N, C-alpha and C. Protein backbone atom coordinates (compact mmCIF):
# COMPACT_ATOMS: atom_id res chain seq x y z
N UNK A 1 -124.21 110.41 -60.92
CA UNK A 1 -122.81 110.83 -60.88
C UNK A 1 -121.88 109.62 -60.83
N UNK A 2 -122.23 108.64 -60.02
CA UNK A 2 -121.39 107.45 -59.94
C UNK A 2 -121.37 106.71 -61.28
N UNK A 3 -122.51 106.65 -61.94
CA UNK A 3 -122.56 105.98 -63.24
C UNK A 3 -121.70 106.71 -64.25
N UNK A 4 -121.71 108.05 -64.19
CA UNK A 4 -120.89 108.83 -65.11
C UNK A 4 -119.41 108.56 -64.87
N UNK A 5 -119.00 108.50 -63.61
CA UNK A 5 -117.59 108.22 -63.30
C UNK A 5 -117.19 106.83 -63.79
N UNK A 6 -118.09 105.87 -63.66
CA UNK A 6 -117.82 104.51 -64.12
C UNK A 6 -117.66 104.50 -65.63
N UNK A 7 -118.48 105.28 -66.33
CA UNK A 7 -118.39 105.36 -67.79
C UNK A 7 -117.04 105.93 -68.22
N UNK A 8 -116.61 107.00 -67.55
CA UNK A 8 -115.31 107.61 -67.88
C UNK A 8 -114.18 106.62 -67.58
N UNK A 9 -114.26 105.92 -66.47
CA UNK A 9 -113.25 104.92 -66.12
C UNK A 9 -113.20 103.83 -67.18
N UNK A 10 -114.35 103.38 -67.64
CA UNK A 10 -114.40 102.35 -68.68
C UNK A 10 -113.76 102.83 -69.97
N UNK A 11 -114.02 104.09 -70.34
CA UNK A 11 -113.41 104.62 -71.56
C UNK A 11 -111.89 104.68 -71.41
N UNK A 12 -111.41 105.11 -70.24
CA UNK A 12 -109.96 105.18 -70.01
C UNK A 12 -109.33 103.79 -70.06
N UNK A 13 -109.98 102.79 -69.48
CA UNK A 13 -109.45 101.43 -69.51
C UNK A 13 -109.41 100.90 -70.94
N UNK A 14 -110.44 101.18 -71.72
CA UNK A 14 -110.46 100.74 -73.11
C UNK A 14 -109.33 101.39 -73.89
N UNK A 15 -109.09 102.68 -73.63
CA UNK A 15 -108.01 103.39 -74.32
C UNK A 15 -106.65 102.78 -73.97
N UNK A 16 -106.43 102.50 -72.68
CA UNK A 16 -105.16 101.90 -72.26
C UNK A 16 -105.00 100.51 -72.86
N UNK A 17 -106.08 99.74 -72.93
CA UNK A 17 -106.02 98.40 -73.49
C UNK A 17 -105.65 98.46 -74.97
N UNK A 18 -106.28 99.36 -75.72
CA UNK A 18 -105.97 99.50 -77.14
C UNK A 18 -104.53 99.96 -77.33
N UNK A 19 -104.07 100.86 -76.47
CA UNK A 19 -102.70 101.35 -76.56
C UNK A 19 -101.70 100.22 -76.32
N UNK A 20 -102.01 99.36 -75.35
CA UNK A 20 -101.12 98.23 -75.04
C UNK A 20 -101.07 97.25 -76.22
N UNK A 21 -102.22 96.97 -76.82
CA UNK A 21 -102.25 96.08 -77.98
C UNK A 21 -101.45 96.66 -79.13
N UNK A 22 -101.55 97.98 -79.32
CA UNK A 22 -100.80 98.63 -80.39
C UNK A 22 -99.30 98.49 -80.15
N UNK A 23 -98.87 98.68 -78.90
CA UNK A 23 -97.44 98.56 -78.59
C UNK A 23 -96.95 97.13 -78.81
N UNK A 24 -97.76 96.14 -78.46
CA UNK A 24 -97.38 94.74 -78.68
C UNK A 24 -97.25 94.46 -80.17
N UNK A 25 -98.18 94.95 -80.98
CA UNK A 25 -98.11 94.75 -82.43
C UNK A 25 -96.87 95.43 -83.00
N UNK A 26 -96.55 96.62 -82.48
CA UNK A 26 -95.39 97.36 -82.95
C UNK A 26 -94.10 96.59 -82.64
N UNK A 27 -94.01 96.02 -81.44
CA UNK A 27 -92.83 95.24 -81.06
C UNK A 27 -92.69 94.01 -81.96
N UNK A 28 -93.79 93.33 -82.22
CA UNK A 28 -93.75 92.14 -83.08
C UNK A 28 -93.31 92.53 -84.49
N UNK A 29 -93.81 93.65 -84.98
CA UNK A 29 -93.43 94.12 -86.31
C UNK A 29 -91.94 94.44 -86.37
N UNK A 30 -91.43 95.09 -85.34
CA UNK A 30 -90.00 95.43 -85.33
C UNK A 30 -89.15 94.17 -85.27
N UNK A 31 -89.55 93.20 -84.48
CA UNK A 31 -88.81 91.94 -84.40
C UNK A 31 -88.83 91.22 -85.73
N UNK A 32 -89.97 91.24 -86.40
CA UNK A 32 -90.11 90.56 -87.69
C UNK A 32 -89.26 91.25 -88.75
N UNK A 33 -89.17 92.57 -88.67
CA UNK A 33 -88.47 93.34 -89.70
C UNK A 33 -86.96 93.34 -89.48
N UNK A 34 -86.53 93.48 -88.23
CA UNK A 34 -85.11 93.66 -87.94
C UNK A 34 -84.48 92.51 -87.17
N UNK A 35 -85.31 91.56 -86.71
CA UNK A 35 -84.78 90.48 -85.90
C UNK A 35 -84.13 89.43 -86.78
């Protein structure tokens, strides 16, 4: 059970990390296009 919870936590952290990278890329793109 503990291993399963750790696996779910890892998946959630990976999702948040990918989401943050996407937002950073989006900001850079907007600055490049409209800045």
